[in-house]
């Protein structure tokens, strides 16, 4: 029995596609309440509860919740805030960086959490919104630090010849106004989209082959499910890494905006 013949029997196997990322729960079109929009609201509620529970009864000898909360905060505060932005300016940006890190991390992990099983950041609107927040913040703090004219003048590296100033200025302007926010959003979106697609393909396809296939197809189904498990473990690493990278780049952009030599 060929795989084509197998797919034509019964309901057949439907490969993952756009429908796996849209998933409207109430209504349809632009104003539909989708699984992703519910997931982002649930993540805010869960994070609020976790952070409040972790800081409600602070003690010298921390509980497990307090230790987890303090460790995560310390990672962002010291490793991403102070070390990158600098000890003079970093504290005012820690709430933003910490919020972004935990929000992205939990919504990424939703991809492998039972019942939810959907990475919110695989919908491009959410990474775009976060990237726009970073975009506005680092430009606003840059304007406040250097002034409007000084901010754009600082884009040009020192020591350039007159002939190179205009093309370098234009390239740096495109980078600051377009390349940075676009790549920041697309990097997170692309990784979460591709990872979820692979998980759906391996697990959904493996289940179908195991239940509806015969002989070698059942073995292939077992292999696909095994790969689904491997990809799930790998995806956890990617999810944590992407949350860290997004926050790291946000800190780097802010650091560049507040530096004396932008």
Protein backbone atom coordinates (compact mmCIF):
# COMPACT_ATOMS: atom_id res chain seq x y z
CA UNK A 1 0.00 0.00 0.00
CA UNK A 2 1.53 3.32 -1.04
CA UNK A 3 1.43 6.45 1.09
CA UNK A 4 -0.86 8.06 -1.49
CA UNK A 5 -3.33 5.19 -1.25
CA UNK A 6 -3.12 5.31 2.52
CA UNK A 7 -3.94 8.99 2.57
CA UNK A 8 -7.02 8.50 0.40
CA UNK A 9 -8.57 5.99 2.78
CA UNK A 10 -11.05 7.24 5.36
CA UNK A 11 -10.64 10.87 6.32
CA UNK A 12 -7.03 10.89 5.11
CA UNK A 13 -4.09 12.82 6.50
CA UNK A 14 -4.10 16.59 6.21
CA UNK A 15 -0.64 18.15 6.29
CA UNK A 16 -0.17 21.13 8.65
CA UNK A 17 -0.92 24.53 7.17
CA UNK A 18 -2.37 27.97 7.84
CA UNK A 19 -5.37 26.56 9.72
CA UNK A 20 -3.06 25.23 12.44
CA UNK A 21 -1.98 28.80 13.25
CA UNK A 22 -5.28 30.66 12.80
CA UNK A 23 -7.70 28.66 14.98
CA UNK A 24 -10.55 31.14 15.63
CA UNK A 25 -12.57 30.27 18.73
CA UNK A 26 -15.28 32.94 18.51
CA UNK A 27 -16.21 34.71 15.29
CA UNK A 28 -14.15 35.01 12.15
CA UNK A 29 -12.14 37.56 10.24
CA UNK A 30 -10.04 40.38 11.69
CA UNK A 31 -12.04 40.63 14.93
CA UNK A 32 -12.19 36.92 15.73
CA UNK A 33 -11.12 35.71 19.17
CA UNK A 34 -8.42 33.21 18.30
CA UNK A 35 -6.54 30.60 20.27
CA UNK A 36 -3.46 32.83 20.20
CA UNK A 37 -5.29 35.83 21.68
CA UNK A 38 -6.68 33.68 24.48
CA UNK A 39 -3.23 32.19 25.10
CA UNK A 40 -1.60 35.62 25.48
CA UNK A 41 -4.24 36.65 28.03
CA UNK A 42 -3.80 33.38 29.92
CA UNK A 43 -0.03 33.93 29.97
CA UNK A 44 -0.48 37.37 31.55
CA UNK A 45 -2.72 35.87 34.26
CA UNK A 46 -0.31 32.96 34.89
CA UNK A 47 2.74 35.24 35.06
CA UNK A 48 0.96 37.62 37.43
CA UNK A 49 0.10 34.73 39.74
CA UNK A 50 3.59 33.21 39.58
CA UNK A 51 5.38 36.48 40.28
CA UNK A 52 3.05 37.46 43.09
CA UNK A 53 3.31 33.98 44.63
CA UNK A 54 7.10 34.06 44.31
CA UNK A 55 7.45 37.43 46.05
CA UNK A 56 4.58 37.32 48.55
CA UNK A 57 6.61 35.98 51.49
CA UNK A 58 10.19 37.02 50.97
CA UNK A 59 12.69 35.30 53.26
CA UNK A 60 16.44 35.16 53.79
CA UNK A 61 16.27 31.45 53.01
CA UNK A 62 14.14 31.52 49.86
CA UNK A 63 11.41 29.06 49.00
CA UNK A 64 11.49 27.30 45.63
CA UNK A 65 9.12 29.89 44.15
CA UNK A 66 11.12 32.79 45.53
CA UNK A 67 14.38 31.25 44.31
CA UNK A 68 12.99 30.71 40.80
CA UNK A 69 11.63 34.27 40.66
CA UNK A 70 14.84 35.83 41.98
CA UNK A 71 17.03 33.74 39.67
CA UNK A 72 15.03 34.75 36.59
CA UNK A 73 15.01 38.39 37.65
CA UNK A 74 18.73 38.28 38.41
CA UNK A 75 19.48 36.83 34.98
CA UNK A 76 17.70 39.72 33.26
CA UNK A 77 18.78 42.44 35.69
CA UNK A 78 22.46 41.57 35.85
CA UNK A 79 23.17 39.57 32.70
CA UNK A 80 21.08 41.58 30.26
CA UNK A 81 20.52 44.92 31.97
CA UNK A 82 23.62 45.92 33.91
CA UNK A 83 26.23 44.11 31.82
CA UNK A 84 24.93 45.39 28.48
CA UNK A 85 23.30 48.77 29.13
CA UNK A 86 25.72 49.76 31.89
CA UNK A 87 25.44 50.30 35.64
CA UNK A 88 24.55 53.99 35.24
CA UNK A 89 21.43 53.64 33.07
CA UNK A 90 20.21 50.05 33.28
CA UNK A 91 17.78 50.07 36.23
CA UNK A 92 15.05 52.07 34.50
CA UNK A 93 14.91 49.48 31.69
CA UNK A 94 14.91 46.31 33.81
CA UNK A 95 11.09 46.18 34.21
CA UNK A 96 10.68 46.29 30.42
CA UNK A 97 13.37 43.68 29.77
CA UNK A 98 12.13 41.36 32.50
CA UNK A 99 8.51 41.61 31.33
CA UNK A 100 9.49 40.87 27.74
CA UNK A 101 11.67 37.91 28.71
CA UNK A 102 9.12 36.11 30.89
CA UNK A 103 6.21 36.92 28.55
CA UNK A 104 8.00 35.59 25.46
CA UNK A 105 9.38 32.59 27.34
CA UNK A 106 6.02 31.42 28.67
CA UNK A 107 4.24 31.99 25.36
CA UNK A 108 6.97 30.05 23.56
CA UNK A 109 6.68 27.18 26.04
CA UNK A 110 2.93 27.08 25.44
CA UNK A 111 3.85 25.11 22.30
CA UNK A 112 4.62 22.02 24.38
CA UNK A 113 2.29 22.55 27.36
CA UNK A 114 -0.71 20.17 27.16
CA UNK A 115 -4.14 21.70 26.46
CA UNK A 116 -2.59 24.92 25.09
CA UNK A 117 -0.02 23.42 22.69
CA UNK A 118 0.27 26.62 20.70
CA UNK A 119 3.23 29.05 20.59
CA UNK A 120 1.67 32.51 20.66
CA UNK A 121 4.72 34.04 19.01
CA UNK A 122 4.10 31.95 15.90
CA UNK A 123 1.47 34.59 15.04
CA UNK A 124 3.51 37.43 13.56
CA UNK A 125 1.39 40.19 15.14
CA UNK A 126 2.68 39.45 18.64
CA UNK A 127 6.44 39.60 17.87
CA UNK A 128 5.75 42.68 15.74
CA UNK A 129 4.01 44.45 18.64
CA UNK A 130 6.92 43.65 20.99
CA UNK A 131 9.48 44.77 18.38
CA UNK A 132 7.60 48.07 17.95
CA UNK A 133 7.76 48.66 21.71
CA UNK A 134 11.55 48.16 21.60
CA UNK A 135 11.76 50.38 18.50
CA UNK A 136 9.93 53.26 20.22
CA UNK A 137 11.85 52.90 23.49
CA UNK A 138 15.37 52.97 22.09
CA UNK A 139 14.64 55.90 19.78
CA UNK A 140 12.91 57.92 22.49
CA UNK A 141 15.72 57.41 25.00
CA UNK A 142 18.24 58.23 22.26
CA UNK A 143 16.47 61.50 21.47
CA UNK A 144 16.37 62.39 25.16
CA UNK A 145 20.04 61.56 25.63
CA UNK A 146 21.49 63.29 22.57
CA UNK A 147 18.74 65.58 21.28
CA UNK A 148 17.11 65.13 17.88
CA UNK A 149 20.00 66.51 15.81
CA UNK A 150 22.70 64.98 18.00
CA UNK A 151 21.02 61.57 17.86
CA UNK A 152 21.11 61.44 14.07
CA UNK A 153 24.60 62.94 13.94
CA UNK A 154 25.85 60.20 16.27
CA UNK A 155 24.77 57.58 13.73
CA UNK A 156 27.81 58.46 11.61
CA UNK A 157 30.99 56.79 12.95
CA UNK A 158 33.86 59.12 13.74
CA UNK A 159 36.77 59.44 11.34
CA UNK A 160 34.89 58.90 8.07
CA UNK A 161 35.82 60.86 4.98
CA UNK A 162 33.28 63.34 3.60
CA UNK A 163 32.54 61.09 0.63
CA UNK A 164 31.51 58.19 2.87
CA UNK A 165 29.40 60.15 5.33
CA UNK A 166 26.21 60.27 3.26
CA UNK A 167 26.07 56.58 2.18
CA UNK A 168 27.03 55.38 5.67
CA UNK A 169 24.41 57.67 7.23
CA UNK A 170 21.74 56.29 4.89
CA UNK A 171 22.74 52.70 5.62
CA UNK A 172 22.72 53.30 9.38
CA UNK A 173 19.38 55.09 9.11
CA UNK A 174 17.84 52.13 7.26
CA UNK A 175 19.27 49.81 9.90
CA UNK A 176 17.85 51.81 12.81
CA UNK A 177 14.44 52.55 11.26
CA UNK A 178 13.76 49.33 9.37
CA UNK A 179 16.21 46.45 9.64
CA UNK A 180 16.38 46.22 13.43
CA UNK A 181 12.64 46.09 14.21
CA UNK A 182 11.84 43.86 11.23
CA UNK A 183 14.54 41.29 11.95
CA UNK A 184 13.77 41.38 15.68
CA UNK A 185 10.16 40.43 15.01
CA UNK A 186 10.78 37.97 12.16
CA UNK A 187 13.52 36.07 14.01
CA UNK A 188 11.18 35.22 16.89
CA UNK A 189 8.19 34.60 14.63
CA UNK A 190 10.11 32.40 12.17
CA UNK A 191 11.62 30.16 14.84
CA UNK A 192 8.32 29.62 16.64
CA UNK A 193 6.40 29.10 13.40
CA UNK A 194 8.88 26.58 12.00
CA UNK A 195 9.22 24.72 15.31
CA UNK A 196 5.48 24.33 15.75
CA UNK A 197 5.11 23.23 12.14
CA UNK A 198 7.69 20.49 12.64
CA UNK A 199 6.06 19.28 15.85
CA UNK A 200 2.64 19.11 14.20
CA UNK A 201 4.13 17.29 11.21
CA UNK A 202 6.04 14.65 13.17
CA UNK A 203 3.45 14.03 15.89
CA UNK A 204 0.34 14.33 13.71
CA UNK A 205 1.86 12.37 10.84
CA UNK A 206 3.29 9.74 13.17
CA UNK A 207 -0.06 9.24 14.88
CA UNK A 208 -1.81 8.87 11.54
CA UNK A 209 0.69 6.31 10.24
CA UNK A 210 0.57 4.36 13.49
CA UNK A 211 -3.23 4.19 13.61
CA UNK A 212 -4.07 3.85 9.92
CA UNK A 213 -0.94 2.40 8.34
CA UNK A 214 0.08 -1.20 7.95
CA UNK A 215 3.42 -2.97 8.19
CA UNK A 216 6.27 -0.62 7.39
CA UNK A 217 3.98 2.40 7.72
CA UNK A 218 3.37 1.59 11.39
CA UNK A 219 7.12 1.41 11.93
CA UNK A 220 7.48 4.73 10.16
CA UNK A 221 4.81 6.10 12.48
CA UNK A 222 6.78 4.95 15.52
CA UNK A 223 9.89 6.59 14.08
CA UNK A 224 8.00 9.83 13.40
CA UNK A 225 6.65 9.92 16.96
CA UNK A 226 10.18 9.30 18.24
CA UNK A 227 11.39 12.24 16.17
CA UNK A 228 8.48 14.25 17.56
CA UNK A 229 9.82 13.64 21.07
CA UNK A 230 13.36 14.59 20.02
CA UNK A 231 12.08 17.75 18.32
CA UNK A 232 10.05 18.62 21.43
CA UNK A 233 13.20 18.54 23.58
CA UNK A 234 15.08 20.54 20.96
CA UNK A 235 12.19 23.00 20.72
CA UNK A 236 12.38 23.71 24.46
CA UNK A 237 15.98 24.81 23.96
CA UNK A 238 14.99 27.00 21.00
CA UNK A 239 12.09 28.55 22.94
CA UNK A 240 14.29 29.56 25.86
CA UNK A 241 17.03 30.75 23.53
CA UNK A 242 14.69 32.89 21.44
CA UNK A 243 13.27 34.61 24.52
CA UNK A 244 16.82 35.33 25.67
CA UNK A 245 17.98 36.55 22.24
CA UNK A 246 15.00 38.89 21.81
CA UNK A 247 15.64 40.46 25.23
CA UNK A 248 19.40 40.56 24.61
CA UNK A 249 18.96 42.45 21.34
CA UNK A 250 16.48 44.84 22.98
CA UNK A 251 19.10 45.59 25.65
CA UNK A 252 21.80 46.06 22.99
CA UNK A 253 19.67 48.53 21.03
CA UNK A 254 18.87 50.51 24.18
CA UNK A 255 22.53 50.44 25.19
CA UNK A 256 23.49 51.86 21.80
CA UNK A 257 20.91 54.62 22.12
CA UNK A 258 22.06 55.78 25.58
CA UNK A 259 25.79 55.43 24.92
CA UNK A 260 27.82 58.59 24.56
CA UNK A 261 28.91 57.41 21.10
CA UNK A 262 25.68 56.10 19.56
